[in-house]
Amino acid sequence: RRTLKHLVEEKYRSGEALVKMLTDTDNFRGVKFSDTHPEVAKMVG
């Protein structure tokens, strides 16, 4: 919570980097993170 404000890139703070990694693989495998992890999927966008 403290380091995110100052030291961590925006792509991590926003969840953008995580979502990109998930969706790139999901699209290739034909699955959806939101089907199995709906709560986390909603929180990270």
PDB file of all heavy atoms in Angstrom:
ATOM      1  N   ARG A   1       0.842  -1.207   0.000  1.00  0.00           N
ATOM      2  CA  ARG A   1       0.000   0.000   0.000  1.00  0.00           C
ATOM      3  C   ARG A   1       0.877   1.258   0.000  1.00  0.00           C
ATOM      4  O   ARG A   1       0.583   2.242  -0.671  1.00  0.00           O
ATOM      5  CB  ARG A   1      -0.917   0.001   1.228  1.00  0.00           C
ATOM      6  CG  ARG A   1      -1.908   1.172   1.252  1.00  0.00           C
ATOM      7  CD  ARG A   1      -2.546   1.302   2.627  1.00  0.00           C
ATOM      8  NE  ARG A   1      -3.325   0.140   2.982  1.00  0.00           N
ATOM      9  CZ  ARG A   1      -4.636  -0.015   2.711  1.00  0.00           C
ATOM     10  NH1 ARG A   1      -5.285   0.919   2.061  1.00  0.00           N
ATOM     11  NH2 ARG A   1      -5.263  -1.110   3.085  1.00  0.00           N
ATOM     12  N   ARG A   2       1.987   1.176   0.767  1.00  0.00           N
ATOM     13  CA  ARG A   2       2.883   2.330   0.836  1.00  0.00           C
ATOM     14  C   ARG A   2       3.764   2.435  -0.407  1.00  0.00           C
ATOM     15  O   ARG A   2       3.934   3.516  -0.962  1.00  0.00           O
ATOM     16  CB  ARG A   2       3.756   2.230   2.091  1.00  0.00           C
ATOM     17  CG  ARG A   2       2.963   2.374   3.387  1.00  0.00           C
ATOM     18  CD  ARG A   2       3.881   2.473   4.584  1.00  0.00           C
ATOM     19  NE  ARG A   2       4.567   1.206   4.860  1.00  0.00           N
ATOM     20  CZ  ARG A   2       4.074   0.248   5.631  1.00  0.00           C
ATOM     21  NH1 ARG A   2       2.877   0.396   6.181  1.00  0.00           N
ATOM     22  NH2 ARG A   2       4.749  -0.859   5.847  1.00  0.00           N
ATOM     23  N   THR A   3       4.324   1.317  -0.846  1.00  0.00           N
ATOM     24  CA  THR A   3       5.262   1.371  -1.968  1.00  0.00           C
ATOM     25  C   THR A   3       4.556   1.596  -3.293  1.00  0.00           C
ATOM     26  O   THR A   3       5.131   2.188  -4.207  1.00  0.00           O
ATOM     27  CB  THR A   3       6.093   0.070  -2.056  1.00  0.00           C
ATOM     28  OG1 THR A   3       5.207  -1.046  -2.190  1.00  0.00           O
ATOM     29  CG2 THR A   3       6.936  -0.104  -0.806  1.00  0.00           C
ATOM     30  N   LEU A   4       3.320   1.135  -3.422  1.00  0.00           N
ATOM     31  CA  LEU A   4       2.598   1.308  -4.681  1.00  0.00           C
ATOM     32  C   LEU A   4       2.453   2.781  -5.049  1.00  0.00           C
ATOM     33  O   LEU A   4       2.487   3.148  -6.221  1.00  0.00           O
ATOM     34  CB  LEU A   4       1.211   0.668  -4.587  1.00  0.00           C
ATOM     35  CG  LEU A   4       1.146  -0.860  -4.783  1.00  0.00           C
ATOM     36  CD1 LEU A   4      -0.218  -1.382  -4.370  1.00  0.00           C
ATOM     37  CD2 LEU A   4       1.451  -1.250  -6.212  1.00  0.00           C
ATOM     38  N   LYS A   5       2.324   3.632  -4.029  1.00  0.00           N
ATOM     39  CA  LYS A   5       2.093   5.049  -4.292  1.00  0.00           C
ATOM     40  C   LYS A   5       3.299   5.722  -4.940  1.00  0.00           C
ATOM     41  O   LYS A   5       3.165   6.682  -5.678  1.00  0.00           O
ATOM     42  CB  LYS A   5       1.743   5.764  -2.984  1.00  0.00           C
ATOM     43  CG  LYS A   5       0.403   5.362  -2.386  1.00  0.00           C
ATOM     44  CD  LYS A   5       0.150   6.131  -1.102  1.00  0.00           C
ATOM     45  CE  LYS A   5      -1.194   5.749  -0.483  1.00  0.00           C
ATOM     46  NZ  LYS A   5      -1.435   6.474   0.784  1.00  0.00           N
ATOM     47  N   HIS A   6       4.494   5.200  -4.631  1.00  0.00           N
ATOM     48  CA  HIS A   6       5.690   5.941  -5.018  1.00  0.00           C
ATOM     49  C   HIS A   6       6.633   5.159  -5.941  1.00  0.00           C
ATOM     50  O   HIS A   6       7.231   5.751  -6.839  1.00  0.00           O
ATOM     51  CB  HIS A   6       6.470   6.356  -3.758  1.00  0.00           C
ATOM     52  CG  HIS A   6       5.648   7.089  -2.758  1.00  0.00           C
ATOM     53  ND1 HIS A   6       5.176   8.366  -2.974  1.00  0.00           N
ATOM     54  CD2 HIS A   6       5.181   6.724  -1.533  1.00  0.00           C
ATOM     55  CE1 HIS A   6       4.470   8.766  -1.922  1.00  0.00           C
ATOM     56  NE2 HIS A   6       4.458   7.786  -1.043  1.00  0.00           N
ATOM     57  N   LEU A   7       6.777   3.860  -5.709  1.00  0.00           N
ATOM     58  CA  LEU A   7       7.844   3.118  -6.357  1.00  0.00           C
ATOM     59  C   LEU A   7       7.382   2.198  -7.480  1.00  0.00           C
ATOM     60  O   LEU A   7       8.174   1.823  -8.338  1.00  0.00           O
ATOM     61  CB  LEU A   7       8.597   2.267  -5.305  1.00  0.00           C
ATOM     62  CG  LEU A   7       9.182   3.060  -4.125  1.00  0.00           C
ATOM     63  CD1 LEU A   7       9.833   2.105  -3.136  1.00  0.00           C
ATOM     64  CD2 LEU A   7      10.200   4.076  -4.616  1.00  0.00           C
ATOM     65  N   VAL A   8       6.130   1.816  -7.470  1.00  0.00           N
ATOM     66  CA  VAL A   8       5.646   0.825  -8.417  1.00  0.00           C
ATOM     67  C   VAL A   8       4.990   1.510  -9.610  1.00  0.00           C
ATOM     68  O   VAL A   8       4.235   2.475  -9.459  1.00  0.00           O
ATOM     69  CB  VAL A   8       4.656  -0.146  -7.733  1.00  0.00           C
ATOM     70  CG1 VAL A   8       4.109  -1.147  -8.738  1.00  0.00           C
ATOM     71  CG2 VAL A   8       5.356  -0.869  -6.584  1.00  0.00           C
ATOM     72  N   GLU A   9       5.283   0.989 -10.784  1.00  0.00           N
ATOM     73  CA  GLU A   9       4.745   1.586 -11.999  1.00  0.00           C
ATOM     74  C   GLU A   9       3.216   1.532 -12.011  1.00  0.00           C
ATOM     75  O   GLU A   9       2.593   0.637 -11.443  1.00  0.00           O
ATOM     76  CB  GLU A   9       5.293   0.844 -13.213  1.00  0.00           C
ATOM     77  CG  GLU A   9       6.802   0.934 -13.388  1.00  0.00           C
ATOM     78  CD  GLU A   9       7.261   0.088 -14.557  1.00  0.00           C
ATOM     79  OE1 GLU A   9       6.694   0.235 -15.644  1.00  0.00           O
ATOM     80  OE2 GLU A   9       8.176  -0.718 -14.363  1.00  0.00           O
ATOM     81  N   GLU A  10       2.619   2.499 -12.712  1.00  0.00           N
ATOM     82  CA  GLU A  10       1.169   2.601 -12.804  1.00  0.00           C
ATOM     83  C   GLU A  10       0.551   1.327 -13.353  1.00  0.00           C
ATOM     84  O   GLU A  10      -0.553   0.937 -12.955  1.00  0.00           O
ATOM     85  CB  GLU A  10       0.795   3.799 -13.671  1.00  0.00           C
ATOM     86  CG  GLU A  10      -0.698   3.925 -13.971  1.00  0.00           C
ATOM     87  CD  GLU A  10      -1.548   4.106 -12.719  1.00  0.00           C
ATOM     88  OE1 GLU A  10      -1.010   4.603 -11.695  1.00  0.00           O
ATOM     89  OE2 GLU A  10      -2.741   3.744 -12.757  1.00  0.00           O
ATOM     90  N   LYS A  11       1.240   0.631 -14.253  1.00  0.00           N
ATOM     91  CA  LYS A  11       0.659  -0.570 -14.860  1.00  0.00           C
ATOM     92  C   LYS A  11       0.401  -1.659 -13.820  1.00  0.00           C
ATOM     93  O   LYS A  11      -0.485  -2.498 -14.004  1.00  0.00           O
ATOM     94  CB  LYS A  11       1.561  -1.099 -15.968  1.00  0.00           C
ATOM     95  CG  LYS A  11       2.926  -1.610 -15.517  1.00  0.00           C
ATOM     96  CD  LYS A  11       3.729  -2.142 -16.701  1.00  0.00           C
ATOM     97  CE  LYS A  11       5.076  -2.682 -16.265  1.00  0.00           C
ATOM     98  NZ  LYS A  11       5.864  -3.216 -17.398  1.00  0.00           N
ATOM     99  N   TYR A  12       1.177  -1.655 -12.713  1.00  0.00           N
ATOM    100  CA  TYR A  12       0.935  -2.600 -11.629  1.00  0.00           C
ATOM    101  C   TYR A  12      -0.154  -2.072 -10.691  1.00  0.00           C
ATOM    102  O   TYR A  12      -1.041  -2.827 -10.273  1.00  0.00           O
ATOM    103  CB  TYR A  12       2.219  -2.868 -10.842  1.00  0.00           C
ATOM    104  CG  TYR A  12       3.298  -3.540 -11.650  1.00  0.00           C
ATOM    105  CD1 TYR A  12       4.460  -2.868 -11.992  1.00  0.00           C
ATOM    106  CD2 TYR A  12       3.158  -4.858 -12.075  1.00  0.00           C
ATOM    107  CE1 TYR A  12       5.458  -3.476 -12.734  1.00  0.00           C
ATOM    108  CE2 TYR A  12       4.143  -5.478 -12.818  1.00  0.00           C
ATOM    109  CZ  TYR A  12       5.291  -4.779 -13.152  1.00  0.00           C
ATOM    110  OH  TYR A  12       6.268  -5.390 -13.897  1.00  0.00           O
ATOM    111  N   ARG A  13      -0.083  -0.806 -10.363  1.00  0.00           N
ATOM    112  CA  ARG A  13      -1.082  -0.218  -9.456  1.00  0.00           C
ATOM    113  C   ARG A  13      -2.491  -0.365 -10.017  1.00  0.00           C
ATOM    114  O   ARG A  13      -3.441  -0.673  -9.299  1.00  0.00           O
ATOM    115  CB  ARG A  13      -0.778   1.263  -9.229  1.00  0.00           C
ATOM    116  CG  ARG A  13       0.447   1.552  -8.407  1.00  0.00           C
ATOM    117  CD  ARG A  13       0.413   2.975  -7.859  1.00  0.00           C
ATOM    118  NE  ARG A  13       0.386   3.966  -8.922  1.00  0.00           N
ATOM    119  CZ  ARG A  13       1.461   4.593  -9.403  1.00  0.00           C
ATOM    120  NH1 ARG A  13       2.655   4.284  -8.923  1.00  0.00           N
ATOM    121  NH2 ARG A  13       1.349   5.502 -10.348  1.00  0.00           N
ATOM    122  N   SER A  14      -2.630  -0.149 -11.302  1.00  0.00           N
ATOM    123  CA  SER A  14      -3.954  -0.171 -11.923  1.00  0.00           C
ATOM    124  C   SER A  14      -4.452  -1.579 -12.211  1.00  0.00           C
ATOM    125  O   SER A  14      -5.647  -1.789 -12.432  1.00  0.00           O
ATOM    126  CB  SER A  14      -3.912   0.619 -13.236  1.00  0.00           C
ATOM    127  OG  SER A  14      -3.072  -0.044 -14.182  1.00  0.00           O
ATOM    128  N   GLY A  15      -3.535  -2.541 -12.231  1.00  0.00           N
ATOM    129  CA  GLY A  15      -3.899  -3.907 -12.627  1.00  0.00           C
ATOM    130  C   GLY A  15      -3.737  -4.150 -14.115  1.00  0.00           C
ATOM    131  O   GLY A  15      -3.970  -5.261 -14.601  1.00  0.00           O
ATOM    132  N   GLU A  16      -3.313  -3.122 -14.853  1.00  0.00           N
ATOM    133  CA  GLU A  16      -3.191  -3.231 -16.309  1.00  0.00           C
ATOM    134  C   GLU A  16      -2.235  -4.350 -16.716  1.00  0.00           C
ATOM    135  O   GLU A  16      -2.528  -5.139 -17.623  1.00  0.00           O
ATOM    136  CB  GLU A  16      -2.693  -1.904 -16.879  1.00  0.00           C
ATOM    137  CG  GLU A  16      -2.397  -1.933 -18.372  1.00  0.00           C
ATOM    138  CD  GLU A  16      -1.700  -0.671 -18.847  1.00  0.00           C
ATOM    139  OE1 GLU A  16      -1.643   0.314 -18.084  1.00  0.00           O
ATOM    140  OE2 GLU A  16      -1.194  -0.678 -19.985  1.00  0.00           O
ATOM    141  N   ALA A  17      -1.077  -4.436 -16.038  1.00  0.00           N
ATOM    142  CA  ALA A  17      -0.090  -5.453 -16.398  1.00  0.00           C
ATOM    143  C   ALA A  17      -0.629  -6.857 -16.141  1.00  0.00           C
ATOM    144  O   ALA A  17      -0.439  -7.770 -16.954  1.00  0.00           O
ATOM    145  CB  ALA A  17       1.199  -5.222 -15.609  1.00  0.00           C
ATOM    146  N   LEU A  18      -1.301  -7.030 -14.999  1.00  0.00           N
ATOM    147  CA  LEU A  18      -1.882  -8.330 -14.663  1.00  0.00           C
ATOM    148  C   LEU A  18      -2.949  -8.722 -15.675  1.00  0.00           C
ATOM    149  O   LEU A  18      -2.960  -9.854 -16.183  1.00  0.00           O
ATOM    150  CB  LEU A  18      -2.477  -8.283 -13.259  1.00  0.00           C
ATOM    151  CG  LEU A  18      -3.258  -9.526 -12.827  1.00  0.00           C
ATOM    152  CD1 LEU A  18      -2.338 -10.726 -12.698  1.00  0.00           C
ATOM    153  CD2 LEU A  18      -3.989  -9.261 -11.512  1.00  0.00           C
ATOM    154  N   VAL A  19      -3.852  -7.807 -15.971  1.00  0.00           N
ATOM    155  CA  VAL A  19      -4.945  -8.112 -16.897  1.00  0.00           C
ATOM    156  C   VAL A  19      -4.404  -8.462 -18.278  1.00  0.00           C
ATOM    157  O   VAL A  19      -4.890  -9.398 -18.934  1.00  0.00           O
ATOM    158  CB  VAL A  19      -5.930  -6.927 -16.971  1.00  0.00           C
ATOM    159  CG1 VAL A  19      -6.930  -7.126 -18.110  1.00  0.00           C
ATOM    160  CG2 VAL A  19      -6.666  -6.783 -15.641  1.00  0.00           C
ATOM    161  N   LYS A  20      -3.391  -7.746 -18.730  1.00  0.00           N
ATOM    162  CA  LYS A  20      -2.806  -8.059 -20.042  1.00  0.00           C
ATOM    163  C   LYS A  20      -2.222  -9.459 -20.063  1.00  0.00           C
ATOM    164  O   LYS A  20      -2.422 -10.222 -21.015  1.00  0.00           O
ATOM    165  CB  LYS A  20      -1.727  -7.047 -20.405  1.00  0.00           C
ATOM    166  CG  LYS A  20      -1.162  -7.261 -21.813  1.00  0.00           C
ATOM    167  CD  LYS A  20      -0.114  -6.243 -22.164  1.00  0.00           C
ATOM    168  CE  LYS A  20       0.297  -6.372 -23.631  1.00  0.00           C
ATOM    169  NZ  LYS A  20       0.686  -7.747 -24.017  1.00  0.00           N
ATOM    170  N   MET A  21      -1.500  -9.819 -18.999  1.00  0.00           N
ATOM    171  CA  MET A  21      -0.914 -11.157 -18.940  1.00  0.00           C
ATOM    172  C   MET A  21      -2.010 -12.226 -18.940  1.00  0.00           C
ATOM    173  O   MET A  21      -1.908 -13.248 -19.640  1.00  0.00           O
ATOM    174  CB  MET A  21      -0.032 -11.303 -17.699  1.00  0.00           C
ATOM    175  CG  MET A  21       0.522 -12.703 -17.516  1.00  0.00           C
ATOM    176  SD  MET A  21       1.749 -12.809 -16.192  1.00  0.00           S
ATOM    177  CE  MET A  21       3.228 -12.326 -17.092  1.00  0.00           C
ATOM    178  N   LEU A  22      -3.059 -12.011 -18.162  1.00  0.00           N
ATOM    179  CA  LEU A  22      -4.155 -12.979 -18.093  1.00  0.00           C
ATOM    180  C   LEU A  22      -4.883 -13.108 -19.431  1.00  0.00           C
ATOM    181  O   LEU A  22      -5.132 -14.216 -19.916  1.00  0.00           O
ATOM    182  CB  LEU A  22      -5.141 -12.580 -16.997  1.00  0.00           C
ATOM    183  CG  LEU A  22      -4.654 -12.672 -15.547  1.00  0.00           C
ATOM    184  CD1 LEU A  22      -5.673 -12.034 -14.612  1.00  0.00           C
ATOM    185  CD2 LEU A  22      -4.396 -14.120 -15.140  1.00  0.00           C
ATOM    186  N   THR A  23      -5.232 -11.976 -20.021  1.00  0.00           N
ATOM    187  CA  THR A  23      -6.055 -12.011 -21.236  1.00  0.00           C
ATOM    188  C   THR A  23      -5.279 -12.551 -22.438  1.00  0.00           C
ATOM    189  O   THR A  23      -5.850 -13.233 -23.287  1.00  0.00           O
ATOM    190  CB  THR A  23      -6.627 -10.630 -21.563  1.00  0.00           C
ATOM    191  OG1 THR A  23      -5.566  -9.673 -21.636  1.00  0.00           O
ATOM    192  CG2 THR A  23      -7.631 -10.198 -20.524  1.00  0.00           C
ATOM    193  N   ASP A  24      -3.987 -12.248 -22.526  1.00  0.00           N
ATOM    194  CA  ASP A  24      -3.191 -12.776 -23.638  1.00  0.00           C
ATOM    195  C   ASP A  24      -3.236 -14.300 -23.655  1.00  0.00           C
ATOM    196  O   ASP A  24      -3.414 -14.929 -24.710  1.00  0.00           O
ATOM    197  CB  ASP A  24      -1.739 -12.305 -23.537  1.00  0.00           C
ATOM    198  CG  ASP A  24      -1.559 -10.862 -23.978  1.00  0.00           C
ATOM    199  OD1 ASP A  24      -2.527 -10.273 -24.500  1.00  0.00           O
ATOM    200  OD2 ASP A  24      -0.443 -10.321 -23.793  1.00  0.00           O
ATOM    201  N   THR A  25      -3.074 -14.890 -22.469  1.00  0.00           N
ATOM    202  CA  THR A  25      -3.095 -16.351 -22.377  1.00  0.00           C
ATOM    203  C   THR A  25      -4.513 -16.891 -22.492  1.00  0.00           C
ATOM    204  O   THR A  25      -4.757 -17.910 -23.147  1.00  0.00           O
ATOM    205  CB  THR A  25      -2.444 -16.806 -21.063  1.00  0.00           C
ATOM    206  OG1 THR A  25      -1.112 -16.294 -20.997  1.00  0.00           O
ATOM    207  CG2 THR A  25      -2.389 -18.326 -20.977  1.00  0.00           C
ATOM    208  N   ASP A  26      -5.466 -16.209 -21.858  1.00  0.00           N
ATOM    209  CA  ASP A  26      -6.860 -16.650 -21.928  1.00  0.00           C
ATOM    210  C   ASP A  26      -7.354 -16.707 -23.369  1.00  0.00           C
ATOM    211  O   ASP A  26      -8.037 -17.658 -23.770  1.00  0.00           O
ATOM    212  CB  ASP A  26      -7.759 -15.704 -21.125  1.00  0.00           C
ATOM    213  CG  ASP A  26      -7.674 -15.953 -19.626  1.00  0.00           C
ATOM    214  OD1 ASP A  26      -6.928 -16.847 -19.216  1.00  0.00           O
ATOM    215  OD2 ASP A  26      -8.355 -15.230 -18.874  1.00  0.00           O
ATOM    216  N   ASN A  27      -7.046 -15.685 -24.142  1.00  0.00           N
ATOM    217  CA  ASN A  27      -7.507 -15.646 -25.531  1.00  0.00           C
ATOM    218  C   ASN A  27      -6.961 -16.817 -26.331  1.00  0.00           C
ATOM    219  O   ASN A  27      -7.666 -17.409 -27.163  1.00  0.00           O
ATOM    220  CB  ASN A  27      -7.077 -14.330 -26.192  1.00  0.00           C
ATOM    221  CG  ASN A  27      -7.855 -13.142 -25.653  1.00  0.00           C
ATOM    222  OD1 ASN A  27      -8.925 -13.298 -25.072  1.00  0.00           O
ATOM    223  ND2 ASN A  27      -7.309 -11.941 -25.838  1.00  0.00           N
ATOM    224  N   PHE A  28      -5.709 -17.176 -26.083  1.00  0.00           N
ATOM    225  CA  PHE A  28      -5.112 -18.286 -26.822  1.00  0.00           C
ATOM    226  C   PHE A  28      -5.689 -19.629 -26.372  1.00  0.00           C
ATOM    227  O   PHE A  28      -5.905 -20.524 -27.184  1.00  0.00           O
ATOM    228  CB  PHE A  28      -3.593 -18.279 -26.648  1.00  0.00           C
ATOM    229  CG  PHE A  28      -2.883 -19.261 -27.540  1.00  0.00           C
ATOM    230  CD1 PHE A  28      -2.675 -18.977 -28.887  1.00  0.00           C
ATOM    231  CD2 PHE A  28      -2.429 -20.473 -27.042  1.00  0.00           C
ATOM    232  CE1 PHE A  28      -2.030 -19.893 -29.717  1.00  0.00           C
ATOM    233  CE2 PHE A  28      -1.785 -21.391 -27.858  1.00  0.00           C
ATOM    234  CZ  PHE A  28      -1.583 -21.092 -29.207  1.00  0.00           C
ATOM    235  N   ARG A  29      -5.955 -19.757 -25.064  1.00  0.00           N
ATOM    236  CA  ARG A  29      -6.447 -21.030 -24.533  1.00  0.00           C
ATOM    237  C   ARG A  29      -7.963 -21.161 -24.606  1.00  0.00           C
ATOM    238  O   ARG A  29      -8.501 -22.245 -24.384  1.00  0.00           O
ATOM    239  CB  ARG A  29      -5.996 -21.199 -23.070  1.00  0.00           C
ATOM    240  CG  ARG A  29      -4.494 -21.343 -22.914  1.00  0.00           C
ATOM    241  CD  ARG A  29      -4.082 -21.542 -21.465  1.00  0.00           C
ATOM    242  NE  ARG A  29      -2.622 -21.620 -21.340  1.00  0.00           N
ATOM    243  CZ  ARG A  29      -1.968 -21.708 -20.189  1.00  0.00           C
ATOM    244  NH1 ARG A  29      -2.650 -21.719 -19.042  1.00  0.00           N
ATOM    245  NH2 ARG A  29      -0.649 -21.769 -20.171  1.00  0.00           N
ATOM    246  N   GLY A  30      -8.652 -20.066 -24.863  1.00  0.00           N
ATOM    247  CA  GLY A  30     -10.110 -20.121 -24.944  1.00  0.00           C
ATOM    248  C   GLY A  30     -10.783 -20.250 -23.602  1.00  0.00           C
ATOM    249  O   GLY A  30     -11.807 -20.938 -23.473  1.00  0.00           O
ATOM    250  N   VAL A  31     -10.227 -19.580 -22.580  1.00  0.00           N
ATOM    251  CA  VAL A  31     -10.812 -19.599 -21.240  1.00  0.00           C
ATOM    252  C   VAL A  31     -10.960 -18.164 -20.749  1.00  0.00           C
ATOM    253  O   VAL A  31     -10.482 -17.223 -21.381  1.00  0.00           O
ATOM    254  CB  VAL A  31      -9.945 -20.421 -20.251  1.00  0.00           C
ATOM    255  CG1 VAL A  31      -9.883 -21.876 -20.683  1.00  0.00           C
ATOM    256  CG2 VAL A  31      -8.532 -19.830 -20.156  1.00  0.00           C
ATOM    257  N   LYS A  32     -11.606 -18.006 -19.595  1.00  0.00           N
ATOM    258  CA  LYS A  32     -11.803 -16.669 -19.025  1.00  0.00           C
ATOM    259  C   LYS A  32     -11.529 -16.708 -17.528  1.00  0.00           C
ATOM    260  O   LYS A  32     -12.122 -17.515 -16.795  1.00  0.00           O
ATOM    261  CB  LYS A  32     -13.231 -16.181 -19.282  1.00  0.00           C
ATOM    262  CG  LYS A  32     -13.556 -15.923 -20.753  1.00  0.00           C
ATOM    263  CD  LYS A  32     -15.015 -15.525 -20.937  1.00  0.00           C
ATOM    264  CE  LYS A  32     -15.292 -14.198 -20.284  1.00  0.00           C
ATOM    265  NZ  LYS A  32     -16.679 -13.720 -20.605  1.00  0.00           N
ATOM    266  N   PHE A  33     -10.649 -15.837 -17.094  1.00  0.00           N
ATOM    267  CA  PHE A  33     -10.329 -15.705 -15.678  1.00  0.00           C
ATOM    268  C   PHE A  33     -11.582 -15.411 -14.866  1.00  0.00           C
ATOM    269  O   PHE A  33     -11.751 -15.911 -13.746  1.00  0.00           O
ATOM    270  CB  PHE A  33      -9.298 -14.577 -15.513  1.00  0.00           C
ATOM    271  CG  PHE A  33      -8.828 -14.334 -14.109  1.00  0.00           C
ATOM    272  CD1 PHE A  33      -8.145 -15.305 -13.395  1.00  0.00           C
ATOM    273  CD2 PHE A  33      -9.063 -13.102 -13.495  1.00  0.00           C
ATOM    274  CE1 PHE A  33      -7.698 -15.066 -12.096  1.00  0.00           C
ATOM    275  CE2 PHE A  33      -8.623 -12.852 -12.208  1.00  0.00           C
ATOM    276  CZ  PHE A  33      -7.942 -13.830 -11.506  1.00  0.00           C
ATOM    277  N   SER A  34     -12.486 -14.624 -15.410  1.00  0.00           N
ATOM    278  CA  SER A  34     -13.692 -14.229 -14.682  1.00  0.00           C
ATOM    279  C   SER A  34     -14.644 -15.400 -14.448  1.00  0.00           C
ATOM    280  O   SER A  34     -15.500 -15.331 -13.563  1.00  0.00           O
ATOM    281  CB  SER A  34     -14.419 -13.112 -15.436  1.00  0.00           C
ATOM    282  OG  SER A  34     -14.686 -13.491 -16.773  1.00  0.00           O
ATOM    283  N   ASP A  35     -14.525 -16.470 -15.211  1.00  0.00           N
ATOM    284  CA  ASP A  35     -15.373 -17.640 -15.003  1.00  0.00           C
ATOM    285  C   ASP A  35     -15.013 -18.387 -13.725  1.00  0.00           C
ATOM    286  O   ASP A  35     -15.878 -19.007 -13.093  1.00  0.00           O
ATOM    287  CB  ASP A  35     -15.261 -18.599 -16.184  1.00  0.00           C
ATOM    288  CG  ASP A  35     -15.985 -18.090 -17.419  1.00  0.00           C
ATOM    289  OD1 ASP A  35     -16.786 -17.141 -17.290  1.00  0.00           O
ATOM    290  OD2 ASP A  35     -15.726 -18.633 -18.513  1.00  0.00           O
ATOM    291  N   THR A  36     -13.737 -18.360 -13.360  1.00  0.00           N
ATOM    292  CA  THR A  36     -13.275 -19.127 -12.203  1.00  0.00           C
ATOM    293  C   THR A  36     -12.924 -18.247 -11.006  1.00  0.00           C
ATOM    294  O   THR A  36     -13.009 -18.693  -9.861  1.00  0.00           O
ATOM    295  CB  THR A  36     -12.040 -19.968 -12.586  1.00  0.00           C
ATOM    296  OG1 THR A  36     -11.068 -19.117 -13.210  1.00  0.00           O
ATOM    297  CG2 THR A  36     -12.424 -21.086 -13.552  1.00  0.00           C
ATOM    298  N   HIS A  37     -12.495 -17.005 -11.258  1.00  0.00           N
ATOM    299  CA  HIS A  37     -12.076 -16.090 -10.203  1.00  0.00           C
ATOM    300  C   HIS A  37     -12.874 -14.781 -10.313  1.00  0.00           C
ATOM    301  O   HIS A  37     -12.292 -13.699 -10.480  1.00  0.00           O
ATOM    302  CB  HIS A  37     -10.584 -15.776 -10.326  1.00  0.00           C
ATOM    303  CG  HIS A  37      -9.654 -16.951 -10.261  1.00  0.00           C
ATOM    304  ND1 HIS A  37      -9.658 -17.963 -11.208  1.00  0.00           N
ATOM    305  CD2 HIS A  37      -8.659 -17.259  -9.377  1.00  0.00           C
ATOM    306  CE1 HIS A  37      -8.713 -18.840 -10.900  1.00  0.00           C
ATOM    307  NE2 HIS A  37      -8.105 -18.439  -9.799  1.00  0.00           N
ATOM    308  N   PRO A  38     -14.195 -14.824 -10.228  1.00  0.00           N
ATOM    309  CA  PRO A  38     -14.998 -13.634 -10.540  1.00  0.00           C
ATOM    310  C   PRO A  38     -14.726 -12.445  -9.624  1.00  0.00           C
ATOM    311  O   PRO A  38     -14.727 -11.294 -10.082  1.00  0.00           O
ATOM    312  CB  PRO A  38     -16.442 -14.130 -10.394  1.00  0.00           C
ATOM    313  CG  PRO A  38     -16.354 -15.358  -9.538  1.00  0.00           C
ATOM    314  CD  PRO A  38     -15.044 -15.987  -9.875  1.00  0.00           C
ATOM    315  N   GLU A  39     -14.486 -12.686  -8.339  1.00  0.00           N
ATOM    316  CA  GLU A  39     -14.275 -11.575  -7.407  1.00  0.00           C
ATOM    317  C   GLU A  39     -12.989 -10.816  -7.752  1.00  0.00           C
ATOM    318  O   GLU A  39     -12.971  -9.582  -7.807  1.00  0.00           O
ATOM    319  CB  GLU A  39     -14.209 -12.091  -5.958  1.00  0.00           C
ATOM    320  CG  GLU A  39     -15.469 -12.805  -5.492  1.00  0.00           C
ATOM    321  CD  GLU A  39     -15.455 -14.298  -5.816  1.00  0.00           C
ATOM    322  OE1 GLU A  39     -14.540 -14.743  -6.550  1.00  0.00           O
ATOM    323  OE2 GLU A  39     -16.352 -15.011  -5.333  1.00  0.00           O
ATOM    324  N   VAL A  40     -11.909 -11.571  -7.969  1.00  0.00           N
ATOM    325  CA  VAL A  40     -10.635 -10.927  -8.292  1.00  0.00           C
ATOM    326  C   VAL A  40     -10.702 -10.277  -9.671  1.00  0.00           C
ATOM    327  O   VAL A  40     -10.187  -9.169  -9.879  1.00  0.00           O
ATOM    328  CB  VAL A  40      -9.475 -11.948  -8.219  1.00  0.00           C
ATOM    329  CG1 VAL A  40      -8.154 -11.294  -8.637  1.00  0.00           C
ATOM    330  CG2 VAL A  40      -9.357 -12.526  -6.814  1.00  0.00           C
ATOM    331  N   ALA A  41     -11.351 -10.949 -10.612  1.00  0.00           N
ATOM    332  CA  ALA A  41     -11.479 -10.392 -11.962  1.00  0.00           C
ATOM    333  C   ALA A  41     -12.139  -9.015 -11.926  1.00  0.00           C
ATOM    334  O   ALA A  41     -11.695  -8.077 -12.605  1.00  0.00           O
ATOM    335  CB  ALA A  41     -12.286 -11.349 -12.832  1.00  0.00           C
ATOM    336  N   LYS A  42     -13.173  -8.884 -11.120  1.00  0.00           N
ATOM    337  CA  LYS A  42     -13.871  -7.595 -11.029  1.00  0.00           C
ATOM    338  C   LYS A  42     -12.970  -6.534 -10.414  1.00  0.00           C
ATOM    339  O   LYS A  42     -12.923  -5.387 -10.890  1.00  0.00           O
ATOM    340  CB  LYS A  42     -15.148  -7.764 -10.204  1.00  0.00           C
ATOM    341  CG  LYS A  42     -15.983  -6.493 -10.115  1.00  0.00           C
ATOM    342  CD  LYS A  42     -17.286  -6.766  -9.360  1.00  0.00           C
ATOM    343  CE  LYS A  42     -18.131  -5.504  -9.283  1.00  0.00           C
ATOM    344  NZ  LYS A  42     -19.406  -5.760  -8.551  1.00  0.00           N
ATOM    345  N   MET A  43     -12.235  -6.907  -9.364  1.00  0.00           N
ATOM    346  CA  MET A  43     -11.394  -5.929  -8.670  1.00  0.00           C
ATOM    347  C   MET A  43     -10.246  -5.422  -9.541  1.00  0.00           C
ATOM    348  O   MET A  43      -9.861  -4.254  -9.447  1.00  0.00           O
ATOM    349  CB  MET A  43     -10.839  -6.540  -7.375  1.00  0.00           C
ATOM    350  CG  MET A  43     -11.863  -6.626  -6.249  1.00  0.00           C
ATOM    351  SD  MET A  43     -11.145  -7.220  -4.695  1.00  0.00           S
ATOM    352  CE  MET A  43     -11.054  -8.987  -4.988  1.00  0.00           C
ATOM    353  N   VAL A  44      -9.676  -6.290 -10.377  1.00  0.00           N
ATOM    354  CA  VAL A  44      -8.505  -5.875 -11.160  1.00  0.00           C
ATOM    355  C   VAL A  44      -8.883  -5.327 -12.533  1.00  0.00           C
ATOM    356  O   VAL A  44      -8.016  -4.938 -13.314  1.00  0.00           O
ATOM    357  CB  VAL A  44      -7.503  -7.038 -11.323  1.00  0.00           C
ATOM    358  CG1 VAL A  44      -7.053  -7.535  -9.962  1.00  0.00           C
ATOM    359  CG2 VAL A  44      -8.076  -8.173 -12.165  1.00  0.00           C
ATOM    360  N   GLY A  45     -10.184  -5.299 -12.826  1.00  0.00           N
ATOM    361  CA  GLY A  45     -10.610  -4.716 -14.088  1.00  0.00           C
ATOM    362  C   GLY A  45     -10.542  -5.653 -15.272  1.00  0.00           C
ATOM    363  O   GLY A  45     -10.440  -5.222 -16.426  1.00  0.00           O
TER     364      GLY A  45
END
